[in-house]
Amino acid sequence: MYDKEEKKVIHEGLVVEAFPNAMFHVRLDNETVILGYISGKIRRNSIRILLGDRVKIEVSPYDATKGRIIYRFPRVKKDSEDSEDSED
């Protein structure tokens, strides 16, 4: 998928490593690991990104080793314990 203005490629991936300066290693769906930094809107709204989060990342065609994290998908809650209780 391409962004209309600057022809940036948008990928989805998984955060595999976090660095202290709000940068992350993100493993894309095609198994490539790139360095991602947080966009201004995510930083302004204080959205926390943790290990294991699924994110949407925007990558420039000129430098495919870095990208800007533009969206964090909602976390999926695992209710395996609750489903066991409801059977009784």
PDB file of N, CA and C in Angstrom:
ATOM      1  N   MET A   1       0.853  -1.165   0.000  1.00  0.00           N
ATOM      2  CA  MET A   1       0.000   0.000   0.000  1.00  0.00           C
ATOM      3  C   MET A   1       0.905   1.236   0.000  1.00  0.00           C
ATOM      4  N   TYR A   2       0.563   2.245  -0.763  1.00  0.00           N
ATOM      5  CA  TYR A   2       1.373   3.449  -0.883  1.00  0.00           C
ATOM      6  C   TYR A   2       0.647   4.656  -0.325  1.00  0.00           C
ATOM      7  N   ASP A   3       1.419   5.560   0.254  1.00  0.00           N
ATOM      8  CA  ASP A   3       0.899   6.847   0.691  1.00  0.00           C
ATOM      9  C   ASP A   3       0.774   7.731  -0.550  1.00  0.00           C
ATOM     10  N   LYS A   4      -0.243   8.550  -0.650  1.00  0.00           N
ATOM     11  CA  LYS A   4      -0.492   9.326  -1.864  1.00  0.00           C
ATOM     12  C   LYS A   4       0.550  10.414  -2.100  1.00  0.00           C
ATOM     13  N   GLU A   5       1.012  11.078  -1.055  1.00  0.00           N
ATOM     14  CA  GLU A   5       1.884  12.234  -1.231  1.00  0.00           C
ATOM     15  C   GLU A   5       3.294  11.867  -1.671  1.00  0.00           C
ATOM     16  N   GLU A   6       3.988  11.047  -0.897  1.00  0.00           N
ATOM     17  CA  GLU A   6       5.405  10.832  -1.140  1.00  0.00           C
ATOM     18  C   GLU A   6       5.738   9.398  -1.549  1.00  0.00           C
ATOM     19  N   LYS A   7       4.746   8.604  -1.878  1.00  0.00           N
ATOM     20  CA  LYS A   7       4.948   7.229  -2.318  1.00  0.00           C
ATOM     21  C   LYS A   7       5.697   6.391  -1.289  1.00  0.00           C
ATOM     22  N   LYS A   8       5.359   6.549  -0.022  1.00  0.00           N
ATOM     23  CA  LYS A   8       5.956   5.732   1.027  1.00  0.00           C
ATOM     24  C   LYS A   8       5.187   4.419   1.124  1.00  0.00           C
ATOM     25  N   VAL A   9       5.903   3.360   1.421  1.00  0.00           N
ATOM     26  CA  VAL A   9       5.306   2.038   1.519  1.00  0.00           C
ATOM     27  C   VAL A   9       4.878   1.810   2.966  1.00  0.00           C
ATOM     28  N   ILE A  10       3.668   1.313   3.167  1.00  0.00           N
ATOM     29  CA  ILE A  10       3.145   1.056   4.500  1.00  0.00           C
ATOM     30  C   ILE A  10       3.115  -0.447   4.729  1.00  0.00           C
ATOM     31  N   HIS A  11       3.780  -0.884   5.818  1.00  0.00           N
ATOM     32  CA  HIS A  11       3.846  -2.296   6.192  1.00  0.00           C
ATOM     33  C   HIS A  11       3.245  -2.477   7.574  1.00  0.00           C
ATOM     34  N   GLU A  12       2.956  -3.729   7.911  1.00  0.00           N
ATOM     35  CA  GLU A  12       2.578  -4.085   9.274  1.00  0.00           C
ATOM     36  C   GLU A  12       3.671  -4.962   9.837  1.00  0.00           C
ATOM     37  N   GLY A  13       3.870  -4.862  11.149  1.00  0.00           N
ATOM     38  CA  GLY A  13       4.922  -5.654  11.763  1.00  0.00           C
ATOM     39  C   GLY A  13       4.730  -5.796  13.257  1.00  0.00           C
ATOM     40  N   LEU A  14       5.717  -6.454  13.879  1.00  0.00           N
ATOM     41  CA  LEU A  14       5.683  -6.768  15.294  1.00  0.00           C
ATOM     42  C   LEU A  14       6.911  -6.156  15.953  1.00  0.00           C
ATOM     43  N   VAL A  15       6.716  -5.478  17.077  1.00  0.00           N
ATOM     44  CA  VAL A  15       7.835  -4.872  17.801  1.00  0.00           C
ATOM     45  C   VAL A  15       8.591  -5.986  18.517  1.00  0.00           C
ATOM     46  N   VAL A  16       9.891  -6.132  18.206  1.00  0.00           N
ATOM     47  CA  VAL A  16      10.690  -7.199  18.800  1.00  0.00           C
ATOM     48  C   VAL A  16      11.746  -6.684  19.769  1.00  0.00           C
ATOM     49  N   GLU A  17      12.086  -5.391  19.708  1.00  0.00           N
ATOM     50  CA  GLU A  17      13.077  -4.833  20.619  1.00  0.00           C
ATOM     51  C   GLU A  17      12.805  -3.350  20.792  1.00  0.00           C
ATOM     52  N   ALA A  18      12.962  -2.870  22.027  1.00  0.00           N
ATOM     53  CA  ALA A  18      12.725  -1.456  22.326  1.00  0.00           C
ATOM     54  C   ALA A  18      14.024  -0.817  22.802  1.00  0.00           C
ATOM     55  N   PHE A  19      14.283   0.393  22.328  1.00  0.00           N
ATOM     56  CA  PHE A  19      15.458   1.148  22.734  1.00  0.00           C
ATOM     57  C   PHE A  19      15.012   2.330  23.582  1.00  0.00           C
ATOM     58  N   PRO A  20      15.894   2.886  24.430  1.00  0.00           N
ATOM     59  CA  PRO A  20      15.461   3.933  25.352  1.00  0.00           C
ATOM     60  C   PRO A  20      15.094   5.259  24.697  1.00  0.00           C
ATOM     61  N   ASN A  21      15.468   5.515  23.467  1.00  0.00           N
ATOM     62  CA  ASN A  21      15.187   6.800  22.828  1.00  0.00           C
ATOM     63  C   ASN A  21      13.961   6.742  21.920  1.00  0.00           C
ATOM     64  N   ALA A  22      12.966   5.941  22.302  1.00  0.00           N
ATOM     65  CA  ALA A  22      11.700   5.803  21.568  1.00  0.00           C
ATOM     66  C   ALA A  22      11.914   5.275  20.158  1.00  0.00           C
ATOM     67  N   MET A  23      12.863   4.376  20.020  1.00  0.00           N
ATOM     68  CA  MET A  23      13.080   3.691  18.749  1.00  0.00           C
ATOM     69  C   MET A  23      12.922   2.200  18.992  1.00  0.00           C
ATOM     70  N   PHE A  24      12.531   1.478  17.940  1.00  0.00           N
ATOM     71  CA  PHE A  24      12.188   0.072  18.090  1.00  0.00           C
ATOM     72  C   PHE A  24      12.698  -0.719  16.896  1.00  0.00           C
ATOM     73  N   HIS A  25      13.025  -1.982  17.126  1.00  0.00           N
ATOM     74  CA  HIS A  25      13.232  -2.906  16.026  1.00  0.00           C
ATOM     75  C   HIS A  25      11.881  -3.537  15.730  1.00  0.00           C
ATOM     76  N   VAL A  26      11.459  -3.471  14.484  1.00  0.00           N
ATOM     77  CA  VAL A  26      10.161  -3.999  14.069  1.00  0.00           C
ATOM     78  C   VAL A  26      10.406  -5.077  13.021  1.00  0.00           C
ATOM     79  N   ARG A  27       9.846  -6.279  13.273  1.00  0.00           N
ATOM     80  CA  ARG A  27       9.929  -7.358  12.287  1.00  0.00           C
ATOM     81  C   ARG A  27       8.670  -7.288  11.429  1.00  0.00           C
ATOM     82  N   LEU A  28       8.870  -6.993  10.155  1.00  0.00           N
ATOM     83  CA  LEU A  28       7.750  -6.863   9.233  1.00  0.00           C
ATOM     84  C   LEU A  28       7.180  -8.238   8.911  1.00  0.00           C
ATOM     85  N   ASP A  29       6.037  -8.248   8.254  1.00  0.00           N
ATOM     86  CA  ASP A  29       5.392  -9.503   7.893  1.00  0.00           C
ATOM     87  C   ASP A  29       6.215 -10.307   6.890  1.00  0.00           C
ATOM     88  N   ASN A  30       7.132  -9.644   6.163  1.00  0.00           N
ATOM     89  CA  ASN A  30       7.997 -10.362   5.224  1.00  0.00           C
ATOM     90  C   ASN A  30       9.327 -10.753   5.871  1.00  0.00           C
ATOM     91  N   GLU A  31       9.373 -10.768   7.226  1.00  0.00           N
ATOM     92  CA  GLU A  31      10.513 -11.206   8.039  1.00  0.00           C
ATOM     93  C   GLU A  31      11.715 -10.263   8.002  1.00  0.00           C
ATOM     94  N   THR A  32      11.584  -9.068   7.449  1.00  0.00           N
ATOM     95  CA  THR A  32      12.653  -8.074   7.471  1.00  0.00           C
ATOM     96  C   THR A  32      12.579  -7.297   8.783  1.00  0.00           C
ATOM     97  N   VAL A  33      13.732  -7.064   9.420  1.00  0.00           N
ATOM     98  CA  VAL A  33      13.768  -6.287  10.658  1.00  0.00           C
ATOM     99  C   VAL A  33      14.298  -4.902  10.327  1.00  0.00           C
ATOM    100  N   ILE A  34      13.513  -3.873  10.687  1.00  0.00           N
ATOM    101  CA  ILE A  34      13.929  -2.500  10.417  1.00  0.00           C
ATOM    102  C   ILE A  34      13.846  -1.683  11.705  1.00  0.00           C
ATOM    103  N   LEU A  35      14.471  -0.527  11.704  1.00  0.00           N
ATOM    104  CA  LEU A  35      14.461   0.375  12.839  1.00  0.00           C
ATOM    105  C   LEU A  35      13.292   1.334  12.685  1.00  0.00           C
ATOM    106  N   GLY A  36      12.424   1.385  13.683  1.00  0.00           N
ATOM    107  CA  GLY A  36      11.253   2.251  13.622  1.00  0.00           C
ATOM    108  C   GLY A  36      11.293   3.321  14.690  1.00  0.00           C
ATOM    109  N   TYR A  37      10.862   4.520  14.332  1.00  0.00           N
ATOM    110  CA  TYR A  37      10.755   5.598  15.306  1.00  0.00           C
ATOM    111  C   TYR A  37       9.309   6.059  15.352  1.00  0.00           C
ATOM    112  N   ILE A  38       8.943   6.698  16.445  1.00  0.00           N
ATOM    113  CA  ILE A  38       7.548   7.063  16.693  1.00  0.00           C
ATOM    114  C   ILE A  38       7.194   8.355  15.955  1.00  0.00           C
ATOM    115  N   SER A  39       6.019   8.381  15.344  1.00  0.00           N
ATOM    116  CA  SER A  39       5.556   9.599  14.674  1.00  0.00           C
ATOM    117  C   SER A  39       5.107  10.623  15.710  1.00  0.00           C
ATOM    118  N   GLY A  40       4.930  11.846  15.265  1.00  0.00           N
ATOM    119  CA  GLY A  40       4.569  12.931  16.161  1.00  0.00           C
ATOM    120  C   GLY A  40       3.207  12.773  16.815  1.00  0.00           C
ATOM    121  N   LYS A  41       2.225  12.246  16.081  1.00  0.00           N
ATOM    122  CA  LYS A  41       0.884  12.081  16.645  1.00  0.00           C
ATOM    123  C   LYS A  41       0.880  11.057  17.774  1.00  0.00           C
ATOM    124  N   ILE A  42       1.633   9.962  17.598  1.00  0.00           N
ATOM    125  CA  ILE A  42       1.697   8.946  18.653  1.00  0.00           C
ATOM    126  C   ILE A  42       2.394   9.527  19.877  1.00  0.00           C
ATOM    127  N   ARG A  43       3.465  10.278  19.659  1.00  0.00           N
ATOM    128  CA  ARG A  43       4.200  10.899  20.769  1.00  0.00           C
ATOM    129  C   ARG A  43       3.327  11.939  21.478  1.00  0.00           C
ATOM    130  N   ARG A  44       2.596  12.750  20.712  1.00  0.00           N
ATOM    131  CA  ARG A  44       1.761  13.811  21.282  1.00  0.00           C
ATOM    132  C   ARG A  44       0.613  13.236  22.107  1.00  0.00           C
ATOM    133  N   ASN A  45       0.058  12.114  21.681  1.00  0.00           N
ATOM    134  CA  ASN A  45      -1.056  11.501  22.394  1.00  0.00           C
ATOM    135  C   ASN A  45      -0.611  10.509  23.454  1.00  0.00           C
ATOM    136  N   SER A  46       0.691  10.393  23.694  1.00  0.00           N
ATOM    137  CA  SER A  46       1.266   9.533  24.740  1.00  0.00           C
ATOM    138  C   SER A  46       0.827   8.083  24.600  1.00  0.00           C
ATOM    139  N   ILE A  47       0.833   7.577  23.393  1.00  0.00           N
ATOM    140  CA  ILE A  47       0.484   6.178  23.158  1.00  0.00           C
ATOM    141  C   ILE A  47       1.717   5.336  23.425  1.00  0.00           C
ATOM    142  N   ARG A  48       1.590   4.359  24.307  1.00  0.00           N
ATOM    143  CA  ARG A  48       2.711   3.509  24.684  1.00  0.00           C
ATOM    144  C   ARG A  48       2.850   2.365  23.702  1.00  0.00           C
ATOM    145  N   ILE A  49       4.065   2.107  23.308  1.00  0.00           N
ATOM    146  CA  ILE A  49       4.365   0.969  22.432  1.00  0.00           C
ATOM    147  C   ILE A  49       5.277   0.041  23.207  1.00  0.00           C
ATOM    148  N   LEU A  50       4.878  -1.226  23.319  1.00  0.00           N
ATOM    149  CA  LEU A  50       5.622  -2.213  24.088  1.00  0.00           C
ATOM    150  C   LEU A  50       6.042  -3.368  23.199  1.00  0.00           C
ATOM    151  N   LEU A  51       6.900  -4.224  23.735  1.00  0.00           N
ATOM    152  CA  LEU A  51       7.308  -5.415  23.002  1.00  0.00           C
ATOM    153  C   LEU A  51       6.088  -6.278  22.698  1.00  0.00           C
ATOM    154  N   GLY A  52       6.037  -6.817  21.511  1.00  0.00           N
ATOM    155  CA  GLY A  52       4.929  -7.680  21.123  1.00  0.00           C
ATOM    156  C   GLY A  52       3.751  -6.955  20.505  1.00  0.00           C
ATOM    157  N   ASP A  53       3.773  -5.638  20.455  1.00  0.00           N
ATOM    158  CA  ASP A  53       2.675  -4.878  19.847  1.00  0.00           C
ATOM    159  C   ASP A  53       2.741  -4.971  18.330  1.00  0.00           C
ATOM    160  N   ARG A  54       1.571  -5.046  17.689  1.00  0.00           N
ATOM    161  CA  ARG A  54       1.484  -4.981  16.231  1.00  0.00           C
ATOM    162  C   ARG A  54       1.369  -3.512  15.861  1.00  0.00           C
ATOM    163  N   VAL A  55       2.171  -3.093  14.894  1.00  0.00           N
ATOM    164  CA  VAL A  55       2.184  -1.699  14.483  1.00  0.00           C
ATOM    165  C   VAL A  55       2.119  -1.592  12.969  1.00  0.00           C
ATOM    166  N   LYS A  56       1.716  -0.412  12.520  1.00  0.00           N
ATOM    167  CA  LYS A  56       1.750  -0.063  11.102  1.00  0.00           C
ATOM    168  C   LYS A  56       2.903   0.903  10.944  1.00  0.00           C
ATOM    169  N   ILE A  57       3.790   0.641   9.973  1.00  0.00           N
ATOM    170  CA  ILE A  57       5.013   1.429   9.823  1.00  0.00           C
ATOM    171  C   ILE A  57       5.133   1.908   8.388  1.00  0.00           C
ATOM    172  N   GLU A  58       5.579   3.152   8.230  1.00  0.00           N
ATOM    173  CA  GLU A  58       5.689   3.801   6.934  1.00  0.00           C
ATOM    174  C   GLU A  58       7.167   3.858   6.567  1.00  0.00           C
ATOM    175  N   VAL A  59       7.529   3.282   5.411  1.00  0.00           N
ATOM    176  CA  VAL A  59       8.925   3.163   5.004  1.00  0.00           C
ATOM    177  C   VAL A  59       9.140   3.927   3.702  1.00  0.00           C
ATOM    178  N   SER A  60      10.201   4.714   3.662  1.00  0.00           N
ATOM    179  CA  SER A  60      10.552   5.455   2.462  1.00  0.00           C
ATOM    180  C   SER A  60      11.201   4.514   1.444  1.00  0.00           C
ATOM    181  N   PRO A  61      10.936   4.696   0.166  1.00  0.00           N
ATOM    182  CA  PRO A  61      11.579   3.832  -0.833  1.00  0.00           C
ATOM    183  C   PRO A  61      13.074   4.109  -0.971  1.00  0.00           C
ATOM    184  N   TYR A  62      13.544   5.225  -0.438  1.00  0.00           N
ATOM    185  CA  TYR A  62      14.960   5.576  -0.546  1.00  0.00           C
ATOM    186  C   TYR A  62      15.814   4.900   0.511  1.00  0.00           C
ATOM    187  N   ASP A  63      15.264   4.660   1.719  1.00  0.00           N
ATOM    188  CA  ASP A  63      15.994   4.003   2.794  1.00  0.00           C
ATOM    189  C   ASP A  63      15.084   2.970   3.432  1.00  0.00           C
ATOM    190  N   ALA A  64      15.254   1.717   3.048  1.00  0.00           N
ATOM    191  CA  ALA A  64      14.367   0.654   3.517  1.00  0.00           C
ATOM    192  C   ALA A  64      14.783   0.096   4.869  1.00  0.00           C
ATOM    193  N   THR A  65      15.781   0.694   5.532  1.00  0.00           N
ATOM    194  CA  THR A  65      16.228   0.197   6.831  1.00  0.00           C
ATOM    195  C   THR A  65      15.591   0.938   7.989  1.00  0.00           C
ATOM    196  N   LYS A  66      14.901   2.056   7.722  1.00  0.00           N
ATOM    197  CA  LYS A  66      14.256   2.846   8.767  1.00  0.00           C
ATOM    198  C   LYS A  66      12.819   3.145   8.374  1.00  0.00           C
ATOM    199  N   GLY A  67      11.974   3.334   9.385  1.00  0.00           N
ATOM    200  CA  GLY A  67      10.590   3.680   9.108  1.00  0.00           C
ATOM    201  C   GLY A  67       9.959   4.410  10.277  1.00  0.00           C
ATOM    202  N   ARG A  68       8.808   5.012  10.017  1.00  0.00           N
ATOM    203  CA  ARG A  68       8.086   5.768  11.033  1.00  0.00           C
ATOM    204  C   ARG A  68       6.853   4.987  11.449  1.00  0.00           C
ATOM    205  N   ILE A  69       6.715   4.738  12.749  1.00  0.00           N
ATOM    206  CA  ILE A  69       5.555   4.015  13.283  1.00  0.00           C
ATOM    207  C   ILE A  69       4.384   4.994  13.317  1.00  0.00           C
ATOM    208  N   ILE A  70       3.323   4.669  12.571  1.00  0.00           N
ATOM    209  CA  ILE A  70       2.196   5.594  12.461  1.00  0.00           C
ATOM    210  C   ILE A  70       0.933   5.100  13.149  1.00  0.00           C
ATOM    211  N   TYR A  71       0.900   3.812  13.578  1.00  0.00           N
ATOM    212  CA  TYR A  71      -0.314   3.282  14.203  1.00  0.00           C
ATOM    213  C   TYR A  71       0.039   2.060  15.035  1.00  0.00           C
ATOM    214  N   ARG A  72      -0.550   1.952  16.232  1.00  0.00           N
ATOM    215  CA  ARG A  72      -0.427   0.746  17.054  1.00  0.00           C
ATOM    216  C   ARG A  72      -1.792   0.079  17.103  1.00  0.00           C
ATOM    217  N   PHE A  73      -1.843  -1.175  16.689  1.00  0.00           N
ATOM    218  CA  PHE A  73      -3.105  -1.910  16.699  1.00  0.00           C
ATOM    219  C   PHE A  73      -3.511  -2.211  18.134  1.00  0.00           C
ATOM    220  N   PRO A  74      -4.811  -2.272  18.420  1.00  0.00           N
ATOM    221  CA  PRO A  74      -5.261  -2.598  19.783  1.00  0.00           C
ATOM    222  C   PRO A  74      -4.776  -3.982  20.192  1.00  0.00           C
ATOM    223  N   ARG A  75      -4.467  -4.102  21.473  1.00  0.00           N
ATOM    224  CA  ARG A  75      -3.993  -5.387  21.989  1.00  0.00           C
ATOM    225  C   ARG A  75      -5.144  -6.378  22.038  1.00  0.00           C
ATOM    226  N   VAL A  76      -4.845  -7.629  21.740  1.00  0.00           N
ATOM    227  CA  VAL A  76      -5.841  -8.690  21.793  1.00  0.00           C
ATOM    228  C   VAL A  76      -5.776  -9.320  23.176  1.00  0.00           C
ATOM    229  N   LYS A  77      -6.895  -9.307  23.883  1.00  0.00           N
ATOM    230  CA  LYS A  77      -6.932  -9.887  25.226  1.00  0.00           C
ATOM    231  C   LYS A  77      -7.172 -11.386  25.110  1.00  0.00           C
ATOM    232  N   LYS A  78      -6.386 -12.134  25.858  1.00  0.00           N
ATOM    233  CA  LYS A  78      -6.544 -13.585  25.864  1.00  0.00           C
ATOM    234  C   LYS A  78      -7.387 -13.951  27.069  1.00  0.00           C
ATOM    235  N   ASP A  79      -8.592 -14.453  26.827  1.00  0.00           N
ATOM    236  CA  ASP A  79      -9.527 -14.791  27.904  1.00  0.00           C
ATOM    237  C   ASP A  79      -9.606 -16.287  28.113  1.00  0.00           C
ATOM    238  N   SER A  80      -8.481 -16.973  28.061  1.00  0.00           N
ATOM    239  CA  SER A  80      -8.499 -18.419  28.222  1.00  0.00           C
ATOM    240  C   SER A  80      -8.895 -18.800  29.644  1.00  0.00           C
ATOM    241  N   GLU A  81      -8.507 -17.996  30.649  1.00  0.00           N
ATOM    242  CA  GLU A  81      -8.870 -18.295  32.027  1.00  0.00           C
ATOM    243  C   GLU A  81     -10.357 -18.080  32.249  1.00  0.00           C
ATOM    244  N   ASP A  82     -10.927 -17.036  31.660  1.00  0.00           N
ATOM    245  CA  ASP A  82     -12.342 -16.753  31.840  1.00  0.00           C
ATOM    246  C   ASP A  82     -13.212 -17.814  31.185  1.00  0.00           C
ATOM    247  N   SER A  83     -12.787 -18.348  30.043  1.00  0.00           N
ATOM    248  CA  SER A  83     -13.600 -19.353  29.366  1.00  0.00           C
ATOM    249  C   SER A  83     -13.636 -20.655  30.148  1.00  0.00           C
ATOM    250  N   GLU A  84     -12.572 -20.967  30.887  1.00  0.00           N
ATOM    251  CA  GLU A  84     -12.569 -22.179  31.704  1.00  0.00           C
ATOM    252  C   GLU A  84     -13.547 -22.037  32.863  1.00  0.00           C
ATOM    253  N   ASP A  85     -13.650 -20.833  33.443  1.00  0.00           N
ATOM    254  CA  ASP A  85     -14.555 -20.617  34.562  1.00  0.00           C
ATOM    255  C   ASP A  85     -16.014 -20.691  34.128  1.00  0.00           C
ATOM    256  N   SER A  86     -16.311 -20.278  32.903  1.00  0.00           N
ATOM    257  CA  SER A  86     -17.701 -20.247  32.460  1.00  0.00           C
ATOM    258  C   SER A  86     -18.251 -21.643  32.149  1.00  0.00           C
ATOM    259  N   GLU A  87     -17.367 -22.630  31.992  1.00  0.00           N
ATOM    260  CA  GLU A  87     -17.844 -23.987  31.714  1.00  0.00           C
ATOM    261  C   GLU A  87     -18.437 -24.644  32.932  1.00  0.00           C
ATOM    262  N   ASP A  88     -18.013 -24.239  34.151  1.00  0.00           N
ATOM    263  CA  ASP A  88     -18.499 -24.869  35.375  1.00  0.00           C
ATOM    264  C   ASP A  88     -19.890 -24.459  35.734  1.00  0.00           C
TER     265      ASP A  88
END
